[in-house]
Amino acid sequence: MENRESYPGEDLLRGSTADYERHIIASALERTGGNQSKAARQLGTTRRILMYRIRKYGIDPRQFGGAARKTRSG
């Protein structure tokens, strides 16, 4: 495995990219009421990849669907 140098700002870029991706995923889940299949379609990816990223970023999809479920049953 190649040992590569770390450059100033590299960690900042990685963190910013992760924050942006987390925000985009959360927005899609909010728009779809927590429906992962619909969110994946909106994002142009598969549900499997979306689920991987949801776990990676520690996002709880249930937090986006709770309010929608309560209004339908209430």
C-alpha atoms as a PDB file:
ATOM      1  CA  MET A   1       0.000   0.000   0.000  1.00  0.00           C
ATOM      2  CA  GLU A   2       1.332   3.388  -0.958  1.00  0.00           C
ATOM      3  CA  ASN A   3       2.084   5.861   1.803  1.00  0.00           C
ATOM      4  CA  ARG A   4       0.831   9.256   0.697  1.00  0.00           C
ATOM      5  CA  GLU A   5       1.279  12.703   2.149  1.00  0.00           C
ATOM      6  CA  SER A   6      -1.576  14.586   3.704  1.00  0.00           C
ATOM      7  CA  TYR A   7      -1.996  18.128   2.437  1.00  0.00           C
ATOM      8  CA  PRO A   8      -3.250  21.144   4.381  1.00  0.00           C
ATOM      9  CA  GLY A   9      -6.977  21.493   3.898  1.00  0.00           C
ATOM     10  CA  GLU A  10      -7.473  17.872   2.830  1.00  0.00           C
ATOM     11  CA  ASP A  11      -9.279  16.960   6.050  1.00  0.00           C
ATOM     12  CA  LEU A  12     -11.329  20.142   5.780  1.00  0.00           C
ATOM     13  CA  LEU A  13     -12.412  19.189   2.261  1.00  0.00           C
ATOM     14  CA  ARG A  14     -13.314  15.653   3.335  1.00  0.00           C
ATOM     15  CA  GLY A  15     -15.321  16.995   6.276  1.00  0.00           C
ATOM     16  CA  SER A  16     -17.098  19.569   4.136  1.00  0.00           C
ATOM     17  CA  THR A  17     -17.962  16.968   1.519  1.00  0.00           C
ATOM     18  CA  ALA A  18     -19.334  14.625   4.192  1.00  0.00           C
ATOM     19  CA  ASP A  19     -21.400  17.440   5.736  1.00  0.00           C
ATOM     20  CA  TYR A  20     -22.826  18.334   2.328  1.00  0.00           C
ATOM     21  CA  GLU A  21     -23.659  14.709   1.502  1.00  0.00           C
ATOM     22  CA  ARG A  22     -25.304  14.241   4.918  1.00  0.00           C
ATOM     23  CA  HIS A  23     -27.405  17.378   4.313  1.00  0.00           C
ATOM     24  CA  ILE A  24     -28.490  16.221   0.817  1.00  0.00           C
ATOM     25  CA  ILE A  25     -29.522  12.797   2.128  1.00  0.00           C
ATOM     26  CA  ALA A  26     -31.419  14.290   5.061  1.00  0.00           C
ATOM     27  CA  SER A  27     -33.229  16.703   2.714  1.00  0.00           C
ATOM     28  CA  ALA A  28     -34.292  13.861   0.419  1.00  0.00           C
ATOM     29  CA  LEU A  29     -35.537  11.827   3.376  1.00  0.00           C
ATOM     30  CA  GLU A  30     -37.452  14.835   4.662  1.00  0.00           C
ATOM     31  CA  ARG A  31     -39.115  15.381   1.256  1.00  0.00           C
ATOM     32  CA  THR A  32     -40.128  11.713   1.064  1.00  0.00           C
ATOM     33  CA  GLY A  33     -41.286  11.340   4.662  1.00  0.00           C
ATOM     34  CA  GLY A  34     -38.422   8.955   5.409  1.00  0.00           C
ATOM     35  CA  ASN A  35     -39.124   6.686   2.417  1.00  0.00           C
ATOM     36  CA  GLN A  36     -35.676   5.407   1.466  1.00  0.00           C
ATOM     37  CA  SER A  37     -36.671   4.009  -1.927  1.00  0.00           C
ATOM     38  CA  LYS A  38     -38.189   7.319  -3.040  1.00  0.00           C
ATOM     39  CA  ALA A  39     -35.251   9.268  -1.613  1.00  0.00           C
ATOM     40  CA  ALA A  40     -32.803   7.048  -3.500  1.00  0.00           C
ATOM     41  CA  ARG A  41     -34.696   7.628  -6.765  1.00  0.00           C
ATOM     42  CA  GLN A  42     -34.671  11.397  -6.190  1.00  0.00           C
ATOM     43  CA  LEU A  43     -30.923  11.276  -5.568  1.00  0.00           C
ATOM     44  CA  GLY A  44     -30.274   9.127  -8.622  1.00  0.00           C
ATOM     45  CA  THR A  45     -28.844   6.212  -6.677  1.00  0.00           C
ATOM     46  CA  THR A  46     -29.923   2.809  -5.428  1.00  0.00           C
ATOM     47  CA  ARG A  47     -31.614   2.119  -2.118  1.00  0.00           C
ATOM     48  CA  ARG A  48     -28.697  -0.113  -1.156  1.00  0.00           C
ATOM     49  CA  ILE A  49     -26.132   2.684  -1.631  1.00  0.00           C
ATOM     50  CA  LEU A  50     -28.397   5.137   0.167  1.00  0.00           C
ATOM     51  CA  MET A  51     -28.729   2.736   3.114  1.00  0.00           C
ATOM     52  CA  TYR A  52     -24.932   2.408   3.255  1.00  0.00           C
ATOM     53  CA  ARG A  53     -24.556   6.178   3.428  1.00  0.00           C
ATOM     54  CA  ILE A  54     -27.363   6.525   5.977  1.00  0.00           C
ATOM     55  CA  ARG A  55     -25.467   4.125   8.249  1.00  0.00           C
ATOM     56  CA  LYS A  56     -22.127   5.800   7.454  1.00  0.00           C
ATOM     57  CA  TYR A  57     -23.419   9.203   8.571  1.00  0.00           C
ATOM     58  CA  GLY A  58     -25.535   7.934  11.443  1.00  0.00           C
ATOM     59  CA  ILE A  59     -28.805   9.279  10.029  1.00  0.00           C
ATOM     60  CA  ASP A  60     -32.025   7.885  11.507  1.00  0.00           C
ATOM     61  CA  PRO A  61     -34.596   7.780   8.677  1.00  0.00           C
ATOM     62  CA  ARG A  62     -37.422   7.279  11.193  1.00  0.00           C
ATOM     63  CA  GLN A  63     -37.023  10.867  12.366  1.00  0.00           C
ATOM     64  CA  PHE A  64     -38.268  12.051   8.958  1.00  0.00           C
ATOM     65  CA  GLY A  65     -41.340   9.826   8.780  1.00  0.00           C
ATOM     66  CA  GLY A  66     -42.747  10.054  12.291  1.00  0.00           C
ATOM     67  CA  ALA A  67     -44.773  13.220  11.775  1.00  0.00           C
ATOM     68  CA  ALA A  68     -46.196  12.036   8.449  1.00  0.00           C
ATOM     69  CA  ARG A  69     -47.336   8.714   9.940  1.00  0.00           C
ATOM     70  CA  LYS A  70     -48.988  10.399  12.923  1.00  0.00           C
ATOM     71  CA  THR A  71     -51.078  12.742  10.767  1.00  0.00           C
ATOM     72  CA  ARG A  72     -52.363   9.892   8.584  1.00  0.00           C
ATOM     73  CA  SER A  73     -53.403   7.734  11.537  1.00  0.00           C
ATOM     74  CA  GLY A  74     -54.768  10.615  13.619  1.00  0.00           C
END
